[in-house]
């Protein structure tokens, strides 16, 4: 069953969107594609939202994401966060149970 990982960064964070899009997300793609990462997209929210940025990452299954998050590449991917944000993200993962 496919899974979606949602990564959100809180409003008020210093956030370098250029770095995030040009360096971090390609790093995620490169390091986690072997774990059946299928796609990703990034949303930027208005100032009245509780979060400033959201990344939505699609994996073939929840187990694929769990393997990526516990694999040796995770340290590099998660260790890159201070290069673009001064706040830690909130990471939520779940199986897709409905879609249209």
N, C-alpha and C. Protein backbone atom coordinates (compact mmCIF):
# COMPACT_ATOMS: atom_id res chain seq x y z
N UNK A 1 0.84 -1.17 0.00
CA UNK A 1 0.00 0.00 0.00
C UNK A 1 0.90 1.25 0.00
N UNK A 2 0.66 2.20 -0.89
CA UNK A 2 1.49 3.41 -0.96
C UNK A 2 1.44 4.21 0.35
N UNK A 3 2.48 4.98 0.57
CA UNK A 3 2.57 5.79 1.79
C UNK A 3 2.99 7.21 1.44
N UNK A 4 2.53 8.14 2.25
CA UNK A 4 2.91 9.54 2.11
C UNK A 4 3.59 9.99 3.39
N UNK A 5 4.68 10.69 3.21
CA UNK A 5 5.40 11.30 4.33
C UNK A 5 5.22 12.80 4.19
N UNK A 6 4.73 13.43 5.25
CA UNK A 6 4.55 14.87 5.26
C UNK A 6 5.56 15.46 6.23
N UNK A 7 6.34 16.42 5.73
CA UNK A 7 7.37 17.08 6.53
C UNK A 7 7.01 18.56 6.56
N UNK A 8 6.76 19.11 7.76
CA UNK A 8 6.37 20.52 7.86
C UNK A 8 7.36 21.27 8.74
N UNK A 9 7.57 22.53 8.36
CA UNK A 9 8.47 23.43 9.08
C UNK A 9 7.64 24.56 9.68
N UNK A 10 7.82 24.85 10.98
CA UNK A 10 6.96 25.82 11.65
C UNK A 10 7.13 27.24 11.14
N UNK A 11 6.03 27.98 11.21
CA UNK A 11 6.05 29.40 10.88
C UNK A 11 7.07 30.10 11.79
N UNK A 12 7.77 31.05 11.26
CA UNK A 12 8.78 31.78 12.03
C UNK A 12 10.18 31.21 11.88
N UNK A 13 10.30 30.08 11.23
CA UNK A 13 11.62 29.49 11.00
C UNK A 13 12.36 30.30 9.94
N UNK A 14 13.66 30.45 10.12
CA UNK A 14 14.48 30.94 9.02
C UNK A 14 14.57 29.79 8.04
N UNK A 15 14.22 30.03 6.79
CA UNK A 15 14.13 28.94 5.83
C UNK A 15 14.69 29.41 4.49
N UNK A 16 15.67 28.67 3.97
CA UNK A 16 16.30 28.99 2.69
C UNK A 16 15.67 28.10 1.61
N UNK A 17 14.64 28.64 0.97
CA UNK A 17 13.90 27.86 -0.03
C UNK A 17 14.78 27.50 -1.23
N UNK A 18 15.66 28.41 -1.66
CA UNK A 18 16.53 28.11 -2.79
C UNK A 18 17.39 26.88 -2.51
N UNK A 19 18.01 26.84 -1.33
CA UNK A 19 18.83 25.68 -0.95
C UNK A 19 17.97 24.42 -0.87
N UNK A 20 16.80 24.55 -0.27
CA UNK A 20 15.91 23.41 -0.08
C UNK A 20 15.56 22.76 -1.42
N UNK A 21 15.21 23.60 -2.40
CA UNK A 21 14.80 23.07 -3.70
C UNK A 21 15.97 22.63 -4.57
N UNK A 22 17.09 23.34 -4.49
CA UNK A 22 18.20 23.04 -5.38
C UNK A 22 19.18 22.00 -4.82
N UNK A 23 19.21 21.85 -3.50
CA UNK A 23 20.19 20.95 -2.89
C UNK A 23 19.55 19.86 -2.04
N UNK A 24 18.69 20.26 -1.08
CA UNK A 24 18.16 19.26 -0.14
C UNK A 24 17.24 18.24 -0.81
N UNK A 25 16.25 18.71 -1.54
CA UNK A 25 15.31 17.76 -2.13
C UNK A 25 15.97 16.86 -3.18
N UNK A 26 16.92 17.36 -4.00
CA UNK A 26 17.67 16.43 -4.85
C UNK A 26 18.48 15.41 -4.04
N UNK A 27 18.97 15.81 -2.86
CA UNK A 27 19.67 14.87 -1.98
C UNK A 27 18.71 13.78 -1.50
N UNK A 28 17.51 14.19 -1.09
CA UNK A 28 16.49 13.22 -0.68
C UNK A 28 16.23 12.24 -1.83
N UNK A 29 16.03 12.78 -3.02
CA UNK A 29 15.76 11.93 -4.19
C UNK A 29 16.92 10.96 -4.45
N UNK A 30 18.13 11.47 -4.41
CA UNK A 30 19.30 10.64 -4.70
C UNK A 30 19.49 9.54 -3.66
N UNK A 31 19.41 9.90 -2.39
CA UNK A 31 19.70 8.94 -1.32
C UNK A 31 18.56 7.95 -1.05
N UNK A 32 17.32 8.38 -1.28
CA UNK A 32 16.19 7.52 -0.91
C UNK A 32 15.49 6.88 -2.09
N UNK A 33 15.94 7.13 -3.31
CA UNK A 33 15.29 6.49 -4.46
C UNK A 33 15.44 4.97 -4.39
N UNK A 34 16.52 4.50 -3.80
CA UNK A 34 16.71 3.05 -3.66
C UNK A 34 15.69 2.41 -2.71
N UNK A 35 14.99 3.24 -1.94
CA UNK A 35 13.97 2.76 -1.01
C UNK A 35 12.56 2.97 -1.57
N UNK A 36 12.45 3.03 -2.88
CA UNK A 36 11.17 3.14 -3.57
C UNK A 36 10.50 4.50 -3.34
N UNK A 37 11.31 5.55 -3.20
CA UNK A 37 10.77 6.90 -3.20
C UNK A 37 10.22 7.15 -4.60
N UNK A 38 8.95 7.55 -4.68
CA UNK A 38 8.31 7.67 -5.98
C UNK A 38 8.19 9.11 -6.46
N UNK A 39 7.96 10.05 -5.54
CA UNK A 39 7.83 11.46 -5.94
C UNK A 39 7.89 12.34 -4.70
N UNK A 40 8.05 13.64 -4.96
CA UNK A 40 7.98 14.62 -3.88
C UNK A 40 7.46 15.93 -4.43
N UNK A 41 6.89 16.73 -3.54
CA UNK A 41 6.47 18.08 -3.91
C UNK A 41 6.60 18.96 -2.68
N UNK A 42 6.77 20.25 -2.92
CA UNK A 42 6.99 21.22 -1.85
C UNK A 42 5.93 22.31 -1.96
N UNK A 43 5.30 22.63 -0.83
CA UNK A 43 4.31 23.70 -0.76
C UNK A 43 4.84 24.80 0.14
N UNK A 44 4.58 26.06 -0.24
CA UNK A 44 4.90 27.21 0.61
C UNK A 44 3.57 27.82 1.03
N UNK A 45 3.40 28.00 2.36
CA UNK A 45 2.15 28.51 2.90
C UNK A 45 2.20 30.00 3.16
N UNK A 46 1.02 30.62 3.26
CA UNK A 46 0.91 32.02 3.64
C UNK A 46 1.29 32.20 5.10
N UNK A 47 1.52 33.43 5.50
CA UNK A 47 1.95 33.73 6.86
C UNK A 47 0.93 33.37 7.93
N UNK A 48 -0.34 33.23 7.57
CA UNK A 48 -1.36 32.93 8.57
C UNK A 48 -1.49 31.44 8.88
N UNK A 49 -0.75 30.60 8.18
CA UNK A 49 -0.76 29.15 8.43
C UNK A 49 0.21 28.82 9.57
N UNK A 50 -0.02 27.72 10.26
CA UNK A 50 0.90 27.36 11.36
C UNK A 50 2.27 26.88 10.88
N UNK A 51 2.35 26.53 9.61
CA UNK A 51 3.61 26.07 9.03
C UNK A 51 3.97 26.95 7.85
N UNK A 52 5.27 27.03 7.58
CA UNK A 52 5.73 27.86 6.46
C UNK A 52 5.95 27.04 5.19
N UNK A 53 6.42 25.79 5.35
CA UNK A 53 6.74 24.93 4.22
C UNK A 53 6.30 23.50 4.54
N UNK A 54 5.85 22.82 3.50
CA UNK A 54 5.50 21.40 3.62
C UNK A 54 6.11 20.65 2.45
N UNK A 55 6.76 19.55 2.75
CA UNK A 55 7.20 18.61 1.70
C UNK A 55 6.33 17.37 1.82
N UNK A 56 5.84 16.90 0.69
CA UNK A 56 5.07 15.67 0.64
C UNK A 56 5.87 14.69 -0.19
N UNK A 57 6.22 13.57 0.43
CA UNK A 57 7.09 12.58 -0.20
C UNK A 57 6.33 11.27 -0.30
N UNK A 58 6.28 10.71 -1.49
CA UNK A 58 5.55 9.47 -1.73
C UNK A 58 6.51 8.29 -1.81
N UNK A 59 6.18 7.24 -1.07
CA UNK A 59 6.94 5.98 -1.11
C UNK A 59 6.01 4.85 -1.54
N UNK A 60 6.58 3.77 -1.99
CA UNK A 60 5.78 2.61 -2.39
C UNK A 60 5.00 2.01 -1.25
N UNK A 61 5.57 2.11 -0.03
CA UNK A 61 4.90 1.57 1.15
C UNK A 61 5.45 2.27 2.39
N UNK A 62 4.75 2.11 3.49
CA UNK A 62 5.23 2.66 4.75
C UNK A 62 6.54 1.98 5.15
N UNK A 63 6.65 0.70 4.87
CA UNK A 63 7.90 -0.02 5.17
C UNK A 63 9.07 0.55 4.37
N UNK A 64 8.83 0.94 3.13
CA UNK A 64 9.89 1.57 2.33
C UNK A 64 10.40 2.83 3.01
N UNK A 65 9.47 3.68 3.51
CA UNK A 65 9.90 4.88 4.22
C UNK A 65 10.65 4.53 5.49
N UNK A 66 10.15 3.57 6.25
CA UNK A 66 10.81 3.18 7.49
C UNK A 66 12.22 2.67 7.22
N UNK A 67 12.39 1.95 6.12
CA UNK A 67 13.73 1.50 5.74
C UNK A 67 14.62 2.69 5.39
N UNK A 68 14.08 3.66 4.67
CA UNK A 68 14.86 4.85 4.32
C UNK A 68 15.24 5.63 5.57
N UNK A 69 14.29 5.80 6.48
CA UNK A 69 14.52 6.60 7.68
C UNK A 69 15.48 5.94 8.65
N UNK A 70 15.64 4.63 8.55
CA UNK A 70 16.55 3.93 9.46
C UNK A 70 17.83 3.49 8.76
N UNK A 71 17.92 3.74 7.45
CA UNK A 71 19.10 3.36 6.69
C UNK A 71 20.26 4.32 6.91
N UNK A 72 21.44 3.96 6.44
CA UNK A 72 22.62 4.80 6.65
C UNK A 72 22.53 6.17 5.98
N UNK A 73 21.71 6.30 4.95
CA UNK A 73 21.56 7.57 4.24
C UNK A 73 20.76 8.60 5.04
N UNK A 74 19.97 8.13 6.00
CA UNK A 74 19.11 9.03 6.78
C UNK A 74 19.92 10.06 7.54
N UNK A 75 21.08 9.68 8.04
CA UNK A 75 21.92 10.61 8.79
C UNK A 75 22.32 11.79 7.90
N UNK A 76 22.67 11.52 6.65
CA UNK A 76 23.04 12.58 5.72
C UNK A 76 21.83 13.46 5.37
N UNK A 77 20.70 12.83 5.09
CA UNK A 77 19.50 13.58 4.71
C UNK A 77 19.03 14.46 5.87
N UNK A 78 18.86 13.88 7.05
CA UNK A 78 18.38 14.65 8.20
C UNK A 78 19.43 15.61 8.72
N UNK A 79 20.70 15.27 8.56
CA UNK A 79 21.79 16.14 8.99
C UNK A 79 21.92 17.40 8.15
N UNK A 80 21.25 17.43 7.01
CA UNK A 80 21.29 18.59 6.12
C UNK A 80 20.32 19.70 6.56
N UNK A 81 19.38 19.39 7.45
CA UNK A 81 18.35 20.36 7.85
C UNK A 81 18.93 21.69 8.32
N UNK A 82 19.98 21.73 9.16
CA UNK A 82 20.50 23.03 9.61
C UNK A 82 21.04 23.91 8.47
N UNK A 83 21.26 23.34 7.31
CA UNK A 83 21.73 24.12 6.17
C UNK A 83 20.63 24.99 5.54
N UNK A 84 19.37 24.71 5.88
CA UNK A 84 18.29 25.52 5.29
C UNK A 84 17.23 25.96 6.29
N UNK A 85 17.22 25.42 7.50
CA UNK A 85 16.21 25.80 8.49
C UNK A 85 16.82 25.86 9.88
N UNK A 86 16.38 26.84 10.67
CA UNK A 86 16.83 26.92 12.05
C UNK A 86 15.85 26.25 13.01
N UNK A 87 14.82 25.59 12.47
CA UNK A 87 13.84 24.85 13.28
C UNK A 87 13.77 23.42 12.76
N UNK A 88 13.58 22.49 13.69
CA UNK A 88 13.43 21.08 13.32
C UNK A 88 12.06 20.86 12.68
N UNK A 89 11.98 20.00 11.69
CA UNK A 89 10.68 19.70 11.07
C UNK A 89 9.86 18.73 11.91
N UNK A 90 8.58 18.72 11.64
CA UNK A 90 7.67 17.69 12.15
C UNK A 90 7.47 16.72 11.00
N UNK A 91 7.71 15.44 11.26
CA UNK A 91 7.62 14.41 10.21
C UNK A 91 6.49 13.45 10.56
N UNK A 92 5.55 13.30 9.62
CA UNK A 92 4.42 12.40 9.81
C UNK A 92 4.34 11.47 8.62
N UNK A 93 4.16 10.19 8.88
CA UNK A 93 4.09 9.20 7.79
C UNK A 93 2.85 8.34 7.97
N UNK A 94 2.21 8.02 6.86
CA UNK A 94 1.04 7.17 6.93
C UNK A 94 0.75 6.51 5.60
N UNK A 95 -0.04 5.46 5.66
CA UNK A 95 -0.46 4.75 4.45
C UNK A 95 -1.63 5.48 3.81
N UNK A 96 -1.65 5.51 2.50
CA UNK A 96 -2.75 6.11 1.77
C UNK A 96 -3.93 5.12 1.80
N UNK A 97 -5.06 5.58 2.34
CA UNK A 97 -6.22 4.70 2.44
C UNK A 97 -7.36 5.15 1.53
N UNK A 98 -7.22 6.28 0.87
CA UNK A 98 -8.23 6.74 -0.07
C UNK A 98 -7.64 7.81 -0.97
N UNK A 99 -8.12 7.87 -2.18
CA UNK A 99 -7.66 8.87 -3.15
C UNK A 99 -8.69 8.98 -4.27
N UNK A 100 -8.56 10.02 -5.06
CA UNK A 100 -9.47 10.13 -6.20
C UNK A 100 -8.67 10.41 -7.45
